[in-house]
Amino acid sequence: MVNTELFKDPAIANKLSRQIRHYIRGPLRLMEVCGTHTVAIFRSGIRSLLPEEITLLSGPGCPVCVTAVEDIDRAIAIAGHPDVILATFGDMMRVPGSTSSLNEEKAKGRDIRVVYSPMDCLKIARENTDKKVVFFATGFETTSPSVAATTIESLGLKNFYIFSVHKLVPPALTALLSASDVRVDGLILPGHVSTILGIRPYEFIASRYQMPAVISGFEPVDILQAIYMLVLQINRKRPKVEIQYSRVVYPDGNPKAIRLIDMVFKPVDTNWRGIGVIPESGLKFKDEFSSIDAEKNFDIDIPLSKEPKGCSCGDVLRGVKIPTDCPLFAKACTPEHPIGACMVSTEGSCAAYYKYSGTDIG
């Protein structure tokens, strides 16, 4: 059902809906890469404005969801040091590791704190000189510039460290489009990440994979217009990467933010929860910043990490399944008792399906 209160101009939405129906020529599977888009689609009821030929799939653009189990386990191990204060963003607190979560460890007495900005950690470090303060840094290109800036600002502090598990969106899209079991006809690309990257890092999507792609904003009409632009590209058989979100995203992105990332970090192969290792899809510190790198300054000894048994989070993040295909969905796995990371984050596909799809949860 359409939530008309979220549409600033219903007339434009209805016109776009008619245009989409006019130009569509057969079944299409479109993926919204970003978790914020997934939530916006559900909240606004966009699906009810689309023809039944269009299937919308969620992608790997939820940073909480793709943080690997082993990285949660490592963060918990760091927090277990008696002289450590571990800080992170609030949405990481409930993400399950192999046997526990940061929330559970905090309840056991570990000093684990929620911050709203990595810069907040510098204040904690200056006020607790007898402690080692570690920031558990997660997210995509949207958050990594602020972590890079915090790194530079922190030089000289002897008790501050960062555990970086940042991930990069374009390499994940390469892995996604190269997979034989992923069937997608067009991509709705993330708006926030693209304010940093611009359009050029995505150009391989059209040139190499002949896949239409549109960078979209987050208003319901933005998303409808992005879908319309994808339908036109597919109809005309002219795949390219376009910017719908032109009021915010520029072709060159944010060069200053990109320079900050390049100054501090280097791309490395990294593990994505439920998906596996993707080449050069993570960010770790360059050697000259090794003094702040938590992985090089703490003894992190963890047993072999394990994914939750029966969880389909990886297939959901690749668009191979929808959340209701998972045998745990709304049964063993709920927002109150999440088993997979996709049920934890407010941007997670499973959490969105659970909250907005009207599923009977008994």
Protein backbone atom coordinates (compact mmCIF):
# COMPACT_ATOMS: atom_id res chain seq x y z
CA MET A 1 0.00 0.00 0.00
CA VAL A 2 1.30 3.44 -0.93
CA ASN A 3 2.13 5.73 1.98
CA THR A 4 0.95 8.98 0.40
CA GLU A 5 2.31 11.07 3.27
CA LEU A 6 5.86 10.26 2.14
CA PHE A 7 5.29 11.45 -1.43
CA LYS A 8 5.86 15.20 -1.66
CA ASP A 9 4.20 15.28 -5.08
CA PRO A 10 1.84 12.32 -5.68
CA ALA A 11 1.07 13.60 -9.18
CA ILE A 12 4.70 13.15 -10.24
CA ALA A 13 4.77 9.71 -8.66
CA ASN A 14 1.66 8.65 -10.56
CA LYS A 15 3.07 10.01 -13.81
CA LEU A 16 6.31 8.08 -13.33
CA SER A 17 4.32 4.95 -12.55
CA ARG A 18 2.40 5.32 -15.83
CA GLN A 19 5.61 5.91 -17.78
CA ILE A 20 7.25 2.82 -16.30
CA ARG A 21 4.24 0.73 -17.29
CA HIS A 22 4.29 2.21 -20.78
CA TYR A 23 7.93 1.39 -21.50
CA ILE A 24 8.36 -1.96 -19.84
CA ARG A 25 8.57 -4.88 -22.26
CA GLY A 26 8.88 -7.92 -20.00
CA PRO A 27 9.96 -9.19 -16.58
CA LEU A 28 12.78 -7.23 -14.93
CA ARG A 29 14.82 -7.90 -11.81
CA LEU A 30 16.20 -4.65 -10.41
CA MET A 31 18.49 -4.52 -7.38
CA GLU A 32 18.66 -1.65 -4.93
CA VAL A 33 22.22 -1.96 -3.69
CA CYS A 34 21.77 0.29 -0.66
CA GLY A 35 19.96 -0.75 2.51
CA THR A 36 18.56 2.76 2.95
CA HIS A 37 16.84 2.36 -0.42
CA THR A 38 15.38 -0.96 0.73
CA VAL A 39 13.79 0.68 3.77
CA ALA A 40 12.53 3.66 1.73
CA ILE A 41 10.91 1.31 -0.79
CA PHE A 42 9.07 -0.55 1.96
CA ARG A 43 8.05 2.53 3.95
CA SER A 44 6.64 4.34 0.94
CA GLY A 45 4.92 1.35 -0.67
CA ILE A 46 6.67 1.90 -4.00
CA ARG A 47 6.10 -1.71 -5.04
CA SER A 48 2.37 -1.10 -5.35
CA LEU A 49 3.06 1.62 -7.94
CA LEU A 50 5.10 -0.72 -10.12
CA PRO A 51 3.89 -3.24 -12.69
CA GLU A 52 4.03 -6.87 -11.61
CA GLU A 53 6.77 -7.48 -14.19
CA ILE A 54 9.27 -5.65 -11.94
CA THR A 55 10.89 -7.51 -9.07
CA LEU A 56 12.94 -5.47 -6.62
CA LEU A 57 15.84 -7.25 -4.91
CA SER A 58 18.04 -6.09 -2.06
CA GLY A 59 21.82 -6.00 -2.43
CA PRO A 60 24.98 -5.96 -0.31
CA GLY A 61 24.84 -2.26 0.59
CA CYS A 62 24.14 -2.62 4.31
CA PRO A 63 27.47 -2.14 6.16
CA VAL A 64 26.23 -3.80 9.34
CA CYS A 65 24.97 -6.81 7.40
CA VAL A 66 28.22 -7.47 5.56
CA THR A 67 30.56 -7.13 8.56
CA ALA A 68 32.07 -10.58 8.84
CA VAL A 69 31.49 -12.82 11.86
CA GLU A 70 35.25 -13.04 12.38
CA ASP A 71 35.48 -9.25 12.61
CA ILE A 72 32.81 -9.15 15.32
CA ASP A 73 34.74 -11.89 17.12
CA ARG A 74 37.95 -9.85 16.84
CA ALA A 75 36.25 -6.73 18.20
CA ILE A 76 34.94 -8.77 21.14
CA ALA A 77 38.44 -10.14 21.74
CA ILE A 78 39.90 -6.62 21.79
CA ALA A 79 37.19 -5.49 24.21
CA GLY A 80 38.18 -8.39 26.45
CA HIS A 81 41.52 -6.77 27.30
CA PRO A 82 41.19 -5.38 30.84
CA ASP A 83 42.66 -1.97 29.97
CA VAL A 84 40.59 -1.36 26.81
CA ILE A 85 37.64 0.91 26.10
CA LEU A 86 36.04 -0.19 22.82
CA ALA A 87 33.84 2.34 20.99
CA THR A 88 31.70 1.85 17.90
CA PHE A 89 28.50 2.96 16.19
CA GLY A 90 25.27 1.90 17.86
CA ASP A 91 24.06 -0.32 15.04
CA MET A 92 27.04 -2.65 15.55
CA MET A 93 26.17 -3.49 19.16
CA ARG A 94 23.64 -6.23 18.45
CA VAL A 95 25.34 -7.86 15.44
CA PRO A 96 25.96 -11.51 16.34
CA GLY A 97 29.45 -12.95 16.27
CA SER A 98 30.14 -16.66 16.61
CA THR A 99 28.98 -16.91 20.23
CA SER A 100 28.24 -13.39 21.46
CA SER A 101 27.69 -9.74 20.52
CA LEU A 102 29.11 -6.45 21.74
CA ASN A 103 25.87 -5.83 23.61
CA GLU A 104 26.21 -9.12 25.46
CA GLU A 105 29.85 -8.39 26.29
CA LYS A 106 28.90 -4.95 27.59
CA ALA A 107 26.31 -6.59 29.85
CA LYS A 108 29.12 -8.79 31.21
CA GLY A 109 31.04 -5.70 32.28
CA ARG A 110 33.24 -4.90 29.30
CA ASP A 111 33.76 -1.17 28.73
CA ILE A 112 32.06 -0.85 25.35
CA ARG A 113 30.62 2.52 24.36
CA VAL A 114 28.45 3.88 21.56
CA VAL A 115 29.70 6.97 19.73
CA TYR A 116 28.14 9.05 16.97
CA SER A 117 31.40 10.07 15.33
CA PRO A 118 34.94 8.64 15.35
CA MET A 119 36.10 12.05 16.60
CA ASP A 120 34.17 11.36 19.82
CA CYS A 121 36.75 8.66 20.56
CA LEU A 122 39.55 11.20 20.74
CA LYS A 123 37.81 12.91 23.66
CA ILE A 124 37.43 9.53 25.40
CA ALA A 125 41.14 8.81 24.86
CA ARG A 126 42.22 12.18 26.24
CA GLU A 127 40.02 11.74 29.31
CA ASN A 128 41.21 8.15 29.96
CA THR A 129 44.98 8.21 29.56
CA ASP A 130 45.32 5.05 31.68
CA LYS A 131 43.22 3.12 29.14
CA LYS A 132 43.66 2.04 25.54
CA VAL A 133 40.77 3.35 23.47
CA VAL A 134 39.88 1.39 20.34
CA PHE A 135 37.38 2.51 17.71
CA PHE A 136 35.73 -0.36 15.82
CA ALA A 137 35.40 1.31 12.40
CA THR A 138 32.81 -0.08 10.01
CA GLY A 139 31.01 1.17 6.93
CA PHE A 140 31.54 1.97 3.26
CA GLU A 141 33.08 4.94 1.47
CA THR A 142 30.58 7.20 3.26
CA THR A 143 32.19 6.79 6.69
CA SER A 144 35.81 6.04 5.80
CA PRO A 145 36.77 9.70 5.10
CA SER A 146 35.80 10.73 8.64
CA VAL A 147 37.80 7.80 10.06
CA ALA A 148 40.77 8.85 7.91
CA ALA A 149 40.45 12.42 9.21
CA THR A 150 40.26 11.10 12.80
CA THR A 151 43.42 9.07 12.16
CA ILE A 152 45.35 12.17 11.13
CA GLU A 153 43.92 14.19 14.02
CA SER A 154 44.90 11.48 16.50
CA LEU A 155 48.62 11.42 15.62
CA GLY A 156 50.48 12.04 18.86
CA LEU A 157 47.92 10.29 21.06
CA LYS A 158 49.61 7.24 22.55
CA ASN A 159 46.46 5.42 23.73
CA PHE A 160 44.18 5.55 20.68
CA TYR A 161 43.74 2.81 18.07
CA ILE A 162 41.35 1.95 15.24
CA PHE A 163 40.19 -1.49 14.16
CA SER A 164 39.22 -0.90 10.52
CA VAL A 165 36.85 -3.26 8.73
CA HIS A 166 35.76 -0.68 6.15
CA LYS A 167 34.49 -2.03 2.86
CA LEU A 168 34.33 -0.74 -0.71
CA VAL A 169 31.20 -0.91 -2.86
CA PRO A 170 32.54 -1.17 -6.47
CA PRO A 171 34.56 -4.39 -5.87
CA ALA A 172 31.47 -5.96 -4.28
CA LEU A 173 29.46 -5.10 -7.38
CA THR A 174 32.15 -6.72 -9.54
CA ALA A 175 31.86 -9.91 -7.50
CA LEU A 176 28.08 -9.76 -7.64
CA LEU A 177 27.85 -9.28 -11.41
CA SER A 178 30.47 -12.00 -12.02
CA ALA A 179 28.52 -14.63 -10.09
CA SER A 180 26.70 -17.18 -12.23
CA ASP A 181 23.73 -17.48 -9.88
CA VAL A 182 22.96 -13.76 -9.63
CA ARG A 183 20.30 -12.65 -12.10
CA VAL A 184 19.85 -8.88 -12.23
CA ASP A 185 18.75 -6.61 -15.09
CA GLY A 186 19.65 -3.24 -13.57
CA LEU A 187 21.15 -1.61 -10.47
CA ILE A 188 19.89 1.22 -8.29
CA LEU A 189 23.19 2.55 -6.94
CA PRO A 190 23.64 4.08 -3.48
CA GLY A 191 23.30 7.83 -3.09
CA HIS A 192 25.38 8.37 0.05
CA VAL A 193 28.39 6.37 -1.14
CA SER A 194 28.20 8.09 -4.51
CA THR A 195 28.53 11.56 -2.98
CA ILE A 196 32.09 10.44 -2.23
CA LEU A 197 32.82 8.32 -5.30
CA GLY A 198 30.98 10.15 -8.05
CA ILE A 199 30.18 8.21 -11.20
CA ARG A 200 33.50 7.02 -12.63
CA PRO A 201 34.20 4.07 -10.28
CA TYR A 202 30.92 2.55 -11.50
CA GLU A 203 31.51 2.87 -15.24
CA PHE A 204 32.68 -0.75 -15.49
CA ILE A 205 29.10 -1.85 -14.73
CA ALA A 206 27.92 -0.72 -18.16
CA SER A 207 31.13 -1.14 -20.15
CA ARG A 208 32.15 -4.59 -18.86
CA TYR A 209 28.82 -6.14 -17.90
CA GLN A 210 26.42 -4.25 -20.17
CA MET A 211 24.34 -3.55 -17.08
CA PRO A 212 22.18 -0.40 -16.72
CA ALA A 213 22.75 1.50 -13.47
CA VAL A 214 21.34 4.66 -11.89
CA ILE A 215 22.56 6.52 -8.79
CA SER A 216 19.41 7.37 -6.87
CA GLY A 217 18.32 9.64 -4.06
CA PHE A 218 16.17 8.41 -1.20
CA GLU A 219 12.85 10.20 -1.61
CA PRO A 220 10.14 7.89 -3.00
CA VAL A 221 9.96 9.95 -6.20
CA ASP A 222 13.76 9.72 -6.55
CA ILE A 223 13.56 5.94 -6.49
CA LEU A 224 10.64 5.85 -8.91
CA GLN A 225 12.52 8.10 -11.30
CA ALA A 226 15.61 5.89 -11.02
CA ILE A 227 13.49 2.85 -11.88
CA TYR A 228 12.01 4.75 -14.84
CA MET A 229 15.52 5.62 -16.06
CA LEU A 230 16.54 1.96 -15.79
CA VAL A 231 13.46 0.82 -17.71
CA LEU A 232 14.26 3.32 -20.48
CA GLN A 233 17.86 2.09 -20.72
CA ILE A 234 16.72 -1.52 -20.90
CA ASN A 235 14.01 -0.69 -23.42
CA ARG A 236 16.49 1.12 -25.66
CA LYS A 237 19.27 -1.43 -25.08
CA ARG A 238 21.74 1.34 -24.18
CA PRO A 239 23.24 0.47 -20.81
CA LYS A 240 25.11 3.25 -19.02
CA VAL A 241 25.59 4.69 -15.55
CA GLU A 242 23.38 7.71 -14.87
CA ILE A 243 22.92 10.08 -11.94
CA GLN A 244 19.35 10.65 -10.82
CA TYR A 245 20.56 12.19 -7.53
CA SER A 246 22.17 15.13 -9.34
CA ARG A 247 21.29 17.64 -6.63
CA VAL A 248 23.83 15.91 -4.36
CA VAL A 249 26.06 13.62 -6.46
CA TYR A 250 28.60 15.09 -8.86
CA PRO A 251 30.51 13.16 -11.55
CA ASP A 252 33.84 13.56 -9.73
CA GLY A 253 32.34 12.90 -6.30
CA ASN A 254 34.21 14.49 -3.41
CA PRO A 255 37.91 14.66 -4.38
CA LYS A 256 38.98 15.89 -0.93
CA ALA A 257 37.32 12.92 0.79
CA ILE A 258 38.85 10.52 -1.73
CA ARG A 259 42.31 11.99 -1.11
CA LEU A 260 41.84 11.48 2.64
CA ILE A 261 40.95 7.81 2.12
CA ASP A 262 43.93 7.29 -0.21
CA MET A 263 46.28 9.02 2.23
CA VAL A 264 45.48 6.73 5.15
CA PHE A 265 44.20 3.44 3.75
CA LYS A 266 45.11 0.81 1.19
CA PRO A 267 42.68 -1.66 -0.45
CA VAL A 268 42.96 -5.28 0.69
CA ASP A 269 41.10 -8.55 0.13
CA THR A 270 38.45 -8.86 2.80
CA ASN A 271 35.67 -11.16 3.96
CA TRP A 272 32.01 -10.14 3.57
CA ARG A 273 29.54 -11.88 5.86
CA GLY A 274 27.74 -14.64 4.02
CA ILE A 275 29.43 -13.77 0.72
CA GLY A 276 33.09 -14.59 1.23
CA VAL A 277 36.39 -12.92 0.41
CA ILE A 278 36.19 -10.23 -2.28
CA PRO A 279 39.50 -9.01 -3.77
CA GLU A 280 40.56 -5.47 -2.81
CA SER A 281 37.19 -4.72 -1.24
CA GLY A 282 38.39 -3.65 2.21
CA LEU A 283 40.43 -0.81 3.68
CA LYS A 284 43.36 -1.35 6.03
CA PHE A 285 45.94 1.14 7.27
CA LYS A 286 49.02 1.95 5.26
CA ASP A 287 52.29 1.02 6.97
CA GLU A 288 53.02 4.59 8.07
CA PHE A 289 49.90 4.47 10.25
CA SER A 290 50.71 1.13 11.88
CA SER A 291 50.94 2.76 15.33
CA ILE A 292 47.17 3.35 15.26
CA ASP A 293 46.25 -0.02 13.72
CA ALA A 294 44.58 -2.14 16.41
CA GLU A 295 45.30 -5.35 14.51
CA LYS A 296 49.04 -4.66 14.76
CA ASN A 297 48.99 -3.52 18.38
CA PHE A 298 46.77 -6.10 20.08
CA ASP A 299 47.08 -9.83 20.51
CA ILE A 300 43.82 -10.96 18.87
CA ASP A 301 43.46 -14.70 19.32
CA ILE A 302 40.06 -16.05 18.29
CA PRO A 303 38.83 -19.57 17.52
CA LEU A 304 37.59 -20.39 14.03
CA SER A 305 34.57 -18.17 13.39
CA LYS A 306 31.32 -19.71 12.19
CA GLU A 307 28.23 -18.47 10.39
CA PRO A 308 24.86 -19.10 12.05
CA LYS A 309 23.47 -22.46 11.01
CA GLY A 310 20.55 -22.17 8.58
CA CYS A 311 20.98 -18.40 8.03
CA SER A 312 20.44 -17.26 4.42
CA CYS A 313 21.87 -13.77 4.93
CA GLY A 314 24.56 -14.24 2.27
CA ASP A 315 22.05 -15.26 -0.41
CA VAL A 316 19.79 -12.35 0.56
CA LEU A 317 22.69 -9.89 0.25
CA ARG A 318 23.44 -11.22 -3.25
CA GLY A 319 19.82 -11.03 -4.38
CA VAL A 320 19.64 -14.80 -4.86
CA LYS A 321 16.94 -15.10 -2.17
CA ILE A 322 14.46 -12.78 -0.51
CA PRO A 323 14.23 -12.84 3.30
CA THR A 324 11.05 -14.91 3.39
CA ASP A 325 12.94 -17.71 1.61
CA CYS A 326 15.07 -18.17 4.72
CA PRO A 327 13.77 -20.96 6.99
CA LEU A 328 14.67 -18.90 10.08
CA PHE A 329 12.87 -15.71 9.03
CA ALA A 330 10.23 -14.53 11.54
CA LYS A 331 10.57 -17.84 13.38
CA ALA A 332 13.91 -18.36 15.09
CA CYS A 333 15.20 -15.05 13.72
CA THR A 334 13.36 -11.86 14.71
CA PRO A 335 14.49 -8.27 15.47
CA GLU A 336 14.26 -9.09 19.19
CA HIS A 337 16.37 -12.23 18.78
CA PRO A 338 18.37 -11.84 15.53
CA ILE A 339 20.39 -14.75 14.25
CA GLY A 340 21.63 -13.10 11.05
CA ALA A 341 22.99 -9.57 10.64
CA CYS A 342 20.31 -8.75 8.05
CA MET A 343 17.74 -8.81 10.87
CA VAL A 344 19.81 -6.54 13.14
CA SER A 345 20.34 -3.37 11.15
CA THR A 346 17.52 -0.95 10.45
CA GLU A 347 18.86 -1.06 6.86
CA GLY A 348 18.86 -4.85 6.75
CA SER A 349 16.62 -6.55 4.21
CA CYS A 350 15.25 -9.03 6.73
CA ALA A 351 14.43 -6.30 9.25
CA ALA A 352 12.65 -4.30 6.54
CA TYR A 353 10.66 -7.31 5.35
CA TYR A 354 9.73 -8.14 8.94
CA LYS A 355 8.61 -4.61 9.79
CA TYR A 356 6.84 -3.53 6.63
CA SER A 357 5.70 -6.54 4.62
CA GLY A 358 2.83 -7.54 6.88
CA THR A 359 4.27 -11.00 7.49
CA ASP A 360 2.28 -13.05 9.95
CA ILE A 361 4.68 -13.53 12.85
CA GLY A 362 2.33 -15.45 15.09
